[in-house]
């Protein structure tokens, strides 16, 4: 829901990762997840506008960001998928290795 609200306002978070999701637990209630750390967020000029600076955390970056291409709110959705993968497997889905 947090990304939905941001994207409706043409804001890209640009750093969706486990450390930026807080969990609030109240007795007898389901946990609430809250998106945090908006230091890398950017407000676009409109719903179809694009950003270009490469920013975020490796392992959660969308292909557009990695390639240095313009990107929109979809980059956060890609990062959310990477975050979900991490929650299920405890591994970053696109972790770099130094294998030769």
PDB file of N, CA and C in Angstrom:
ATOM      1  N   UNK A   1       0.829  -1.199   0.000  1.00  0.00           N
ATOM      2  CA  UNK A   1       0.000   0.000   0.000  1.00  0.00           C
ATOM      3  C   UNK A   1       0.871   1.261   0.000  1.00  0.00           C
ATOM      4  N   UNK A   2       1.996   1.205   0.675  1.00  0.00           N
ATOM      5  CA  UNK A   2       2.870   2.376   0.722  1.00  0.00           C
ATOM      6  C   UNK A   2       3.355   2.782  -0.660  1.00  0.00           C
ATOM      7  N   UNK A   3       3.778   1.801  -1.443  1.00  0.00           N
ATOM      8  CA  UNK A   3       4.225   2.111  -2.802  1.00  0.00           C
ATOM      9  C   UNK A   3       3.067   2.596  -3.658  1.00  0.00           C
ATOM     10  N   UNK A   4       1.902   2.046  -3.450  1.00  0.00           N
ATOM     11  CA  UNK A   4       0.723   2.473  -4.224  1.00  0.00           C
ATOM     12  C   UNK A   4       0.437   3.953  -3.985  1.00  0.00           C
ATOM     13  N   UNK A   5       0.509   4.372  -2.740  1.00  0.00           N
ATOM     14  CA  UNK A   5       0.283   5.781  -2.396  1.00  0.00           C
ATOM     15  C   UNK A   5       1.377   6.664  -3.004  1.00  0.00           C
ATOM     16  N   UNK A   6       2.623   6.246  -2.867  1.00  0.00           N
ATOM     17  CA  UNK A   6       3.733   7.022  -3.436  1.00  0.00           C
ATOM     18  C   UNK A   6       3.596   7.150  -4.944  1.00  0.00           C
ATOM     19  N   UNK A   7       3.355   6.040  -5.610  1.00  0.00           N
ATOM     20  CA  UNK A   7       3.281   6.043  -7.065  1.00  0.00           C
ATOM     21  C   UNK A   7       2.096   6.858  -7.570  1.00  0.00           C
ATOM     22  N   UNK A   8       1.001   6.879  -6.830  1.00  0.00           N
ATOM     23  CA  UNK A   8      -0.154   7.712  -7.208  1.00  0.00           C
ATOM     24  C   UNK A   8       0.221   9.197  -7.180  1.00  0.00           C
ATOM     25  N   UNK A   9       1.253   9.529  -6.391  1.00  0.00           N
ATOM     26  CA  UNK A   9       1.727  10.913  -6.300  1.00  0.00           C
ATOM     27  C   UNK A   9       2.992  11.131  -7.136  1.00  0.00           C
ATOM     28  N   UNK A  10       3.295  10.173  -8.021  1.00  0.00           N
ATOM     29  CA  UNK A  10       4.482  10.227  -8.893  1.00  0.00           C
ATOM     30  C   UNK A  10       5.784  10.321  -8.105  1.00  0.00           C
ATOM     31  N   UNK A  11       5.858   9.579  -7.008  1.00  0.00           N
ATOM     32  CA  UNK A  11       7.073   9.531  -6.193  1.00  0.00           C
ATOM     33  C   UNK A  11       7.662   8.126  -6.295  1.00  0.00           C
ATOM     34  N   UNK A  12       8.962   8.067  -6.581  1.00  0.00           N
ATOM     35  CA  UNK A  12       9.672   6.789  -6.620  1.00  0.00           C
ATOM     36  C   UNK A  12      10.527   6.704  -5.350  1.00  0.00           C
ATOM     37  N   UNK A  13      10.430   5.617  -4.611  1.00  0.00           N
ATOM     38  CA  UNK A  13      11.221   5.424  -3.394  1.00  0.00           C
ATOM     39  C   UNK A  13      12.685   5.185  -3.739  1.00  0.00           C
ATOM     40  N   UNK A  14      12.957   4.309  -4.672  1.00  0.00           N
ATOM     41  CA  UNK A  14      14.269   3.977  -5.226  1.00  0.00           C
ATOM     42  C   UNK A  14      15.197   3.193  -4.319  1.00  0.00           C
ATOM     43  N   UNK A  15      14.749   2.753  -3.141  1.00  0.00           N
ATOM     44  CA  UNK A  15      15.609   1.930  -2.289  1.00  0.00           C
ATOM     45  C   UNK A  15      14.771   0.977  -1.442  1.00  0.00           C
ATOM     46  N   UNK A  16      13.884   0.242  -2.118  1.00  0.00           N
ATOM     47  CA  UNK A  16      13.064  -0.756  -1.426  1.00  0.00           C
ATOM     48  C   UNK A  16      13.953  -1.955  -1.127  1.00  0.00           C
ATOM     49  N   UNK A  17      14.147  -2.233   0.155  1.00  0.00           N
ATOM     50  CA  UNK A  17      14.994  -3.341   0.602  1.00  0.00           C
ATOM     51  C   UNK A  17      14.609  -3.678   2.038  1.00  0.00           C
ATOM     52  N   UNK A  18      15.061  -4.811   2.569  1.00  0.00           N
ATOM     53  CA  UNK A  18      14.640  -5.226   3.919  1.00  0.00           C
ATOM     54  C   UNK A  18      14.893  -4.189   5.008  1.00  0.00           C
ATOM     55  N   UNK A  19      16.010  -3.481   4.935  1.00  0.00           N
ATOM     56  CA  UNK A  19      16.333  -2.512   5.983  1.00  0.00           C
ATOM     57  C   UNK A  19      15.405  -1.299   5.970  1.00  0.00           C
ATOM     58  N   UNK A  20      14.655  -1.124   4.889  1.00  0.00           N
ATOM     59  CA  UNK A  20      13.750   0.022   4.783  1.00  0.00           C
ATOM     60  C   UNK A  20      12.283  -0.358   4.971  1.00  0.00           C
ATOM     61  N   UNK A  21      12.056  -1.530   5.523  1.00  0.00           N
ATOM     62  CA  UNK A  21      10.697  -1.946   5.859  1.00  0.00           C
ATOM     63  C   UNK A  21      10.652  -2.209   7.362  1.00  0.00           C
ATOM     64  N   UNK A  22       9.815  -1.458   8.044  1.00  0.00           N
ATOM     65  CA  UNK A  22       9.658  -1.610   9.488  1.00  0.00           C
ATOM     66  C   UNK A  22       8.419  -2.441   9.773  1.00  0.00           C
ATOM     67  N   UNK A  23       8.464  -3.218  10.851  1.00  0.00           N
ATOM     68  CA  UNK A  23       7.331  -4.056  11.231  1.00  0.00           C
ATOM     69  C   UNK A  23       6.801  -3.563  12.568  1.00  0.00           C
ATOM     70  N   UNK A  24       5.513  -3.265  12.581  1.00  0.00           N
ATOM     71  CA  UNK A  24       4.852  -2.819  13.804  1.00  0.00           C
ATOM     72  C   UNK A  24       3.949  -3.954  14.271  1.00  0.00           C
ATOM     73  N   UNK A  25       4.137  -4.395  15.502  1.00  0.00           N
ATOM     74  CA  UNK A  25       3.333  -5.490  16.048  1.00  0.00           C
ATOM     75  C   UNK A  25       2.576  -5.016  17.279  1.00  0.00           C
ATOM     76  N   UNK A  26       1.280  -5.232  17.246  1.00  0.00           N
ATOM     77  CA  UNK A  26       0.444  -4.923  18.403  1.00  0.00           C
ATOM     78  C   UNK A  26      -0.219  -6.205  18.862  1.00  0.00           C
ATOM     79  N   UNK A  27      -0.367  -6.355  20.150  1.00  0.00           N
ATOM     80  CA  UNK A  27      -0.936  -7.571  20.721  1.00  0.00           C
ATOM     81  C   UNK A  27      -2.320  -7.839  20.132  1.00  0.00           C
ATOM     82  N   UNK A  28      -2.503  -9.055  19.627  1.00  0.00           N
ATOM     83  CA  UNK A  28      -3.792  -9.465  19.099  1.00  0.00           C
ATOM     84  C   UNK A  28      -4.093  -8.982  17.690  1.00  0.00           C
ATOM     85  N   UNK A  29      -3.145  -8.305  17.061  1.00  0.00           N
ATOM     86  CA  UNK A  29      -3.376  -7.789  15.704  1.00  0.00           C
ATOM     87  C   UNK A  29      -2.304  -8.331  14.753  1.00  0.00           C
ATOM     88  N   UNK A  30      -2.635  -8.346  13.484  1.00  0.00           N
ATOM     89  CA  UNK A  30      -1.653  -8.736  12.475  1.00  0.00           C
ATOM     90  C   UNK A  30      -0.573  -7.668  12.383  1.00  0.00           C
ATOM     91  N   UNK A  31       0.641  -8.056  12.038  1.00  0.00           N
ATOM     92  CA  UNK A  31       1.712  -7.063  11.907  1.00  0.00           C
ATOM     93  C   UNK A  31       1.404  -6.069  10.788  1.00  0.00           C
ATOM     94  N   UNK A  32       1.879  -4.856  10.967  1.00  0.00           N
ATOM     95  CA  UNK A  32       1.760  -3.811   9.955  1.00  0.00           C
ATOM     96  C   UNK A  32       3.165  -3.517   9.440  1.00  0.00           C
ATOM     97  N   UNK A  33       3.303  -3.439   8.117  1.00  0.00           N
ATOM     98  CA  UNK A  33       4.594  -3.156   7.504  1.00  0.00           C
ATOM     99  C   UNK A  33       4.603  -1.712   7.019  1.00  0.00           C
ATOM    100  N   UNK A  34       5.675  -1.000   7.332  1.00  0.00           N
ATOM    101  CA  UNK A  34       5.770   0.418   7.015  1.00  0.00           C
ATOM    102  C   UNK A  34       7.048   0.665   6.216  1.00  0.00           C
ATOM    103  N   UNK A  35       6.927   1.370   5.115  1.00  0.00           N
ATOM    104  CA  UNK A  35       8.077   1.724   4.295  1.00  0.00           C
ATOM    105  C   UNK A  35       8.787   2.922   4.927  1.00  0.00           C
ATOM    106  N   UNK A  36      10.109   2.847   5.027  1.00  0.00           N
ATOM    107  CA  UNK A  36      10.888   3.898   5.692  1.00  0.00           C
ATOM    108  C   UNK A  36      12.030   4.369   4.794  1.00  0.00           C
ATOM    109  N   UNK A  37      12.741   5.374   5.253  1.00  0.00           N
ATOM    110  CA  UNK A  37      13.935   5.939   4.619  1.00  0.00           C
ATOM    111  C   UNK A  37      13.651   6.461   3.215  1.00  0.00           C
ATOM    112  N   UNK A  38      13.205   7.689   3.167  1.00  0.00           N
ATOM    113  CA  UNK A  38      12.877   8.323   1.898  1.00  0.00           C
ATOM    114  C   UNK A  38      14.001   9.227   1.402  1.00  0.00           C
ATOM    115  N   UNK A  39      15.227   8.980   1.871  1.00  0.00           N
ATOM    116  CA  UNK A  39      16.365   9.798   1.485  1.00  0.00           C
ATOM    117  C   UNK A  39      16.720   9.721   0.015  1.00  0.00           C
ATOM    118  N   UNK A  40      16.339   8.636  -0.649  1.00  0.00           N
ATOM    119  CA  UNK A  40      16.641   8.497  -2.076  1.00  0.00           C
ATOM    120  C   UNK A  40      15.399   8.710  -2.949  1.00  0.00           C
ATOM    121  N   UNK A  41      14.277   9.009  -2.334  1.00  0.00           N
ATOM    122  CA  UNK A  41      13.030   9.186  -3.084  1.00  0.00           C
ATOM    123  C   UNK A  41      13.108  10.419  -3.989  1.00  0.00           C
ATOM    124  N   UNK A  42      12.353  10.361  -5.088  1.00  0.00           N
ATOM    125  CA  UNK A  42      12.308  11.479  -6.027  1.00  0.00           C
ATOM    126  C   UNK A  42      10.867  11.672  -6.489  1.00  0.00           C
ATOM    127  N   UNK A  43      10.481  12.937  -6.618  1.00  0.00           N
ATOM    128  CA  UNK A  43       9.160  13.287  -7.137  1.00  0.00           C
ATOM    129  C   UNK A  43       9.301  13.556  -8.618  1.00  0.00           C
ATOM    130  N   UNK A  44       8.553  12.797  -9.425  1.00  0.00           N
ATOM    131  CA  UNK A  44       8.576  12.990 -10.872  1.00  0.00           C
ATOM    132  C   UNK A  44       7.618  14.109 -11.255  1.00  0.00           C
ATOM    133  N   UNK A  45       7.791  14.643 -12.445  1.00  0.00           N
ATOM    134  CA  UNK A  45       6.925  15.746 -12.897  1.00  0.00           C
ATOM    135  C   UNK A  45       5.537  15.269 -13.296  1.00  0.00           C
ATOM    136  N   UNK A  46       5.349  13.968 -13.446  1.00  0.00           N
ATOM    137  CA  UNK A  46       4.046  13.425 -13.807  1.00  0.00           C
ATOM    138  C   UNK A  46       4.076  11.916 -13.804  1.00  0.00           C
ATOM    139  N   UNK A  47       2.914  11.272 -14.030  1.00  0.00           N
ATOM    140  CA  UNK A  47       2.829   9.814 -13.928  1.00  0.00           C
ATOM    141  C   UNK A  47       3.637   9.051 -14.982  1.00  0.00           C
ATOM    142  N   UNK A  48       3.958   9.692 -16.100  1.00  0.00           N
ATOM    143  CA  UNK A  48       4.721   9.001 -17.143  1.00  0.00           C
ATOM    144  C   UNK A  48       6.142   9.541 -17.278  1.00  0.00           C
ATOM    145  N   UNK A  49       6.537  10.415 -16.366  1.00  0.00           N
ATOM    146  CA  UNK A  49       7.888  10.978 -16.383  1.00  0.00           C
ATOM    147  C   UNK A  49       8.889   9.902 -15.953  1.00  0.00           C
ATOM    148  N   UNK A  50      10.138  10.139 -16.256  1.00  0.00           N
ATOM    149  CA  UNK A  50      11.206   9.188 -15.927  1.00  0.00           C
ATOM    150  C   UNK A  50      12.313   9.892 -15.155  1.00  0.00           C
ATOM    151  N   UNK A  51      13.042   9.112 -14.373  1.00  0.00           N
ATOM    152  CA  UNK A  51      14.219   9.597 -13.656  1.00  0.00           C
ATOM    153  C   UNK A  51      15.440   8.930 -14.292  1.00  0.00           C
ATOM    154  N   UNK A  52      16.615   9.486 -14.071  1.00  0.00           N
ATOM    155  CA  UNK A  52      17.818   8.888 -14.650  1.00  0.00           C
ATOM    156  C   UNK A  52      18.948   8.596 -13.669  1.00  0.00           C
ATOM    157  N   UNK A  53      19.079   9.300 -12.545  1.00  0.00           N
ATOM    158  CA  UNK A  53      20.227   9.002 -11.671  1.00  0.00           C
ATOM    159  C   UNK A  53      20.198   7.561 -11.175  1.00  0.00           C
ATOM    160  N   UNK A  54      21.349   6.924 -11.222  1.00  0.00           N
ATOM    161  CA  UNK A  54      21.464   5.551 -10.719  1.00  0.00           C
ATOM    162  C   UNK A  54      21.659   5.610  -9.218  1.00  0.00           C
ATOM    163  N   UNK A  55      20.673   5.126  -8.499  1.00  0.00           N
ATOM    164  CA  UNK A  55      20.706   5.174  -7.044  1.00  0.00           C
ATOM    165  C   UNK A  55      19.925   3.985  -6.500  1.00  0.00           C
ATOM    166  N   UNK A  56      20.336   3.459  -5.360  1.00  0.00           N
ATOM    167  CA  UNK A  56      19.657   2.316  -4.755  1.00  0.00           C
ATOM    168  C   UNK A  56      20.675   1.326  -4.226  1.00  0.00           C
ATOM    169  N   UNK A  57      20.187   0.157  -3.862  1.00  0.00           N
ATOM    170  CA  UNK A  57      21.037  -0.868  -3.278  1.00  0.00           C
ATOM    171  C   UNK A  57      21.188  -2.030  -4.251  1.00  0.00           C
ATOM    172  N   UNK A  58      22.434  -2.360  -4.586  1.00  0.00           N
ATOM    173  CA  UNK A  58      22.714  -3.460  -5.490  1.00  0.00           C
ATOM    174  C   UNK A  58      22.036  -4.731  -4.971  1.00  0.00           C
ATOM    175  N   UNK A  59      21.478  -5.497  -5.838  1.00  0.00           N
ATOM    176  CA  UNK A  59      20.742  -6.701  -5.447  1.00  0.00           C
ATOM    177  C   UNK A  59      19.250  -6.464  -5.490  1.00  0.00           C
ATOM    178  N   UNK A  60      18.837  -5.196  -5.410  1.00  0.00           N
ATOM    179  CA  UNK A  60      17.416  -4.835  -5.451  1.00  0.00           C
ATOM    180  C   UNK A  60      17.125  -3.878  -6.602  1.00  0.00           C
ATOM    181  N   UNK A  61      18.156  -3.558  -7.402  1.00  0.00           N
ATOM    182  CA  UNK A  61      17.996  -2.609  -8.502  1.00  0.00           C
ATOM    183  C   UNK A  61      17.318  -3.257  -9.702  1.00  0.00           C
ATOM    184  N   UNK A  62      16.455  -2.495 -10.363  1.00  0.00           N
ATOM    185  CA  UNK A  62      15.805  -2.975 -11.585  1.00  0.00           C
ATOM    186  C   UNK A  62      16.816  -2.975 -12.728  1.00  0.00           C
ATOM    187  N   UNK A  63      16.551  -3.740 -13.780  1.00  0.00           N
ATOM    188  CA  UNK A  63      17.461  -3.751 -14.934  1.00  0.00           C
ATOM    189  C   UNK A  63      17.672  -2.360 -15.533  1.00  0.00           C
ATOM    190  N   UNK A  64      16.627  -1.525 -15.545  1.00  0.00           N
ATOM    191  CA  UNK A  64      16.771  -0.167 -16.084  1.00  0.00           C
ATOM    192  C   UNK A  64      17.812   0.633 -15.308  1.00  0.00           C
ATOM    193  N   UNK A  65      17.751   0.528 -13.992  1.00  0.00           N
ATOM    194  CA  UNK A  65      18.723   1.245 -13.167  1.00  0.00           C
ATOM    195  C   UNK A  65      20.135   0.734 -13.405  1.00  0.00           C
ATOM    196  N   UNK A  66      20.287  -0.561 -13.482  1.00  0.00           N
ATOM    197  CA  UNK A  66      21.611  -1.145 -13.690  1.00  0.00           C
ATOM    198  C   UNK A  66      22.192  -0.715 -15.035  1.00  0.00           C
ATOM    199  N   UNK A  67      21.340  -0.646 -16.053  1.00  0.00           N
ATOM    200  CA  UNK A  67      21.793  -0.267 -17.397  1.00  0.00           C
ATOM    201  C   UNK A  67      21.935   1.242 -17.574  1.00  0.00           C
ATOM    202  N   UNK A  68      21.540   2.025 -16.560  1.00  0.00           N
ATOM    203  CA  UNK A  68      21.631   3.477 -16.659  1.00  0.00           C
ATOM    204  C   UNK A  68      20.563   4.089 -17.552  1.00  0.00           C
ATOM    205  N   UNK A  69      19.478   3.370 -17.751  1.00  0.00           N
ATOM    206  CA  UNK A  69      18.382   3.850 -18.591  1.00  0.00           C
ATOM    207  C   UNK A  69      17.378   4.647 -17.750  1.00  0.00           C
ATOM    208  N   UNK A  70      16.573   5.508 -18.375  1.00  0.00           N
ATOM    209  CA  UNK A  70      15.510   6.200 -17.642  1.00  0.00           C
ATOM    210  C   UNK A  70      14.517   5.182 -17.065  1.00  0.00           C
ATOM    211  N   UNK A  71      13.962   5.493 -15.899  1.00  0.00           N
ATOM    212  CA  UNK A  71      13.054   4.565 -15.226  1.00  0.00           C
ATOM    213  C   UNK A  71      11.930   5.332 -14.551  1.00  0.00           C
ATOM    214  N   UNK A  72      10.866   4.624 -14.253  1.00  0.00           N
ATOM    215  CA  UNK A  72       9.717   5.205 -13.570  1.00  0.00           C
ATOM    216  C   UNK A  72       9.393   4.421 -12.312  1.00  0.00           C
ATOM    217  N   UNK A  73       8.150   4.496 -11.893  1.00  0.00           N
ATOM    218  CA  UNK A  73       7.714   3.847 -10.652  1.00  0.00           C
ATOM    219  C   UNK A  73       7.865   2.333 -10.691  1.00  0.00           C
ATOM    220  N   UNK A  74       7.884   1.757 -11.887  1.00  0.00           N
ATOM    221  CA  UNK A  74       8.037   0.307 -12.014  1.00  0.00           C
ATOM    222  C   UNK A  74       9.309  -0.221 -11.387  1.00  0.00           C
ATOM    223  N   UNK A  75      10.315   0.626 -11.249  1.00  0.00           N
ATOM    224  CA  UNK A  75      11.569   0.191 -10.629  1.00  0.00           C
ATOM    225  C   UNK A  75      11.339  -0.230  -9.174  1.00  0.00           C
ATOM    226  N   UNK A  76      10.418   0.462  -8.485  1.00  0.00           N
ATOM    227  CA  UNK A  76      10.083   0.076  -7.102  1.00  0.00           C
ATOM    228  C   UNK A  76       9.378  -1.277  -7.063  1.00  0.00           C
ATOM    229  N   UNK A  77       8.559  -1.565  -8.066  1.00  0.00           N
ATOM    230  CA  UNK A  77       7.848  -2.842  -8.113  1.00  0.00           C
ATOM    231  C   UNK A  77       8.849  -3.978  -8.308  1.00  0.00           C
ATOM    232  N   UNK A  78       9.841  -3.760  -9.163  1.00  0.00           N
ATOM    233  CA  UNK A  78      10.902  -4.751  -9.339  1.00  0.00           C
ATOM    234  C   UNK A  78      11.611  -4.988  -8.002  1.00  0.00           C
ATOM    235  N   UNK A  79      11.954  -3.906  -7.313  1.00  0.00           N
ATOM    236  CA  UNK A  79      12.643  -4.016  -6.020  1.00  0.00           C
ATOM    237  C   UNK A  79      11.777  -4.726  -4.988  1.00  0.00           C
ATOM    238  N   UNK A  80      10.468  -4.482  -5.036  1.00  0.00           N
ATOM    239  CA  UNK A  80       9.546  -5.167  -4.126  1.00  0.00           C
ATOM    240  C   UNK A  80       9.575  -6.670  -4.392  1.00  0.00           C
ATOM    241  N   UNK A  81       9.620  -7.062  -5.659  1.00  0.00           N
ATOM    242  CA  UNK A  81       9.737  -8.482  -5.996  1.00  0.00           C
ATOM    243  C   UNK A  81      11.025  -9.077  -5.466  1.00  0.00           C
ATOM    244  N   UNK A  82      12.131  -8.338  -5.596  1.00  0.00           N
ATOM    245  CA  UNK A  82      13.414  -8.794  -5.057  1.00  0.00           C
ATOM    246  C   UNK A  82      13.342  -8.915  -3.538  1.00  0.00           C
ATOM    247  N   UNK A  83      12.639  -7.981  -2.900  1.00  0.00           N
ATOM    248  CA  UNK A  83      12.450  -8.030  -1.448  1.00  0.00           C
ATOM    249  C   UNK A  83      11.642  -9.266  -1.049  1.00  0.00           C
ATOM    250  N   UNK A  84      10.584  -9.554  -1.779  1.00  0.00           N
ATOM    251  CA  UNK A  84       9.767 -10.740  -1.491  1.00  0.00           C
ATOM    252  C   UNK A  84      10.607 -12.011  -1.647  1.00  0.00           C
ATOM    253  N   UNK A  85      11.439 -12.052  -2.678  1.00  0.00           N
ATOM    254  CA  UNK A  85      12.337 -13.191  -2.878  1.00  0.00           C
ATOM    255  C   UNK A  85      13.256 -13.351  -1.667  1.00  0.00           C
ATOM    256  N   UNK A  86      13.790 -12.241  -1.179  1.00  0.00           N
ATOM    257  CA  UNK A  86      14.677 -12.285  -0.011  1.00  0.00           C
ATOM    258  C   UNK A  86      13.933 -12.797   1.226  1.00  0.00           C
ATOM    259  N   UNK A  87      12.701 -12.351   1.416  1.00  0.00           N
ATOM    260  CA  UNK A  87      11.919 -12.779   2.587  1.00  0.00           C
ATOM    261  C   UNK A  87      11.698 -14.291   2.564  1.00  0.00           C
ATOM    262  N   UNK A  88      11.434 -14.836   1.394  1.00  0.00           N
ATOM    263  CA  UNK A  88      11.153 -16.268   1.273  1.00  0.00           C
ATOM    264  C   UNK A  88      12.427 -17.112   1.346  1.00  0.00           C
ATOM    265  N   UNK A  89      13.501 -16.660   0.695  1.00  0.00           N
ATOM    266  CA  UNK A  89      14.707 -17.490   0.580  1.00  0.00           C
ATOM    267  C   UNK A  89      15.863 -17.067   1.477  1.00  0.00           C
ATOM    268  N   UNK A  90      15.792 -15.850   2.001  1.00  0.00           N
ATOM    269  CA  UNK A  90      16.888 -15.249   2.778  1.00  0.00           C
ATOM    270  C   UNK A  90      18.128 -15.037   1.909  1.00  0.00           C
ATOM    271  N   UNK A  91      17.920 -14.913   0.604  1.00  0.00           N
ATOM    272  CA  UNK A  91      19.010 -14.636  -0.326  1.00  0.00           C
ATOM    273  C   UNK A  91      18.593 -13.521  -1.261  1.00  0.00           C
ATOM    274  N   UNK A  92      19.531 -12.615  -1.546  1.00  0.00           N
ATOM    275  CA  UNK A  92      19.279 -11.561  -2.527  1.00  0.00           C
ATOM    276  C   UNK A  92      19.219 -12.247  -3.893  1.00  0.00           C
ATOM    277  N   UNK A  93      18.175 -11.984  -4.694  1.00  0.00           N
ATOM    278  CA  UNK A  93      18.010 -12.739  -5.939  1.00  0.00           C
ATOM    279  C   UNK A  93      19.086 -12.511  -6.989  1.00  0.00           C
ATOM    280  N   UNK A  94      19.722 -11.361  -6.997  1.00  0.00           N
ATOM    281  CA  UNK A  94      20.694 -11.055  -8.034  1.00  0.00           C
ATOM    282  C   UNK A  94      22.036 -10.689  -7.433  1.00  0.00           C
ATOM    283  N   UNK A  95      22.430 -11.446  -6.429  1.00  0.00           N
ATOM    284  CA  UNK A  95      23.685 -11.193  -5.733  1.00  0.00           C
ATOM    285  C   UNK A  95      24.873 -11.391  -6.676  1.00  0.00           C
ATOM    286  N   UNK A  96      25.796 -10.452  -6.648  1.00  0.00           N
ATOM    287  CA  UNK A  96      26.979 -10.577  -7.484  1.00  0.00           C
ATOM    288  C   UNK A  96      27.960 -11.537  -6.837  1.00  0.00           C
ATOM    289  N   UNK A  97      28.607 -12.292  -7.672  1.00  0.00           N
ATOM    290  CA  UNK A  97      29.656 -13.189  -7.174  1.00  0.00           C
ATOM    291  C   UNK A  97      30.951 -12.868  -7.909  1.00  0.00           C
ATOM    292  N   UNK A  98      32.045 -13.253  -7.320  1.00  0.00           N
ATOM    293  CA  UNK A  98      33.349 -13.012  -7.929  1.00  0.00           C
ATOM    294  C   UNK A  98      33.911 -14.296  -8.531  1.00  0.00           C
ATOM    295  N   UNK A  99      33.030 -15.215  -8.940  1.00  0.00           N
ATOM    296  CA  UNK A  99      33.483 -16.458  -9.539  1.00  0.00           C
ATOM    297  C   UNK A  99      34.077 -16.197 -10.915  1.00  0.00           C
ATOM    298  N   UNK A 100      35.148 -16.896 -11.220  1.00  0.00           N
ATOM    299  CA  UNK A 100      35.800 -16.735 -12.535  1.00  0.00           C
ATOM    300  C   UNK A 100      35.707 -18.023 -13.311  1.00  0.00           C
TER     301      UNK A 100
END
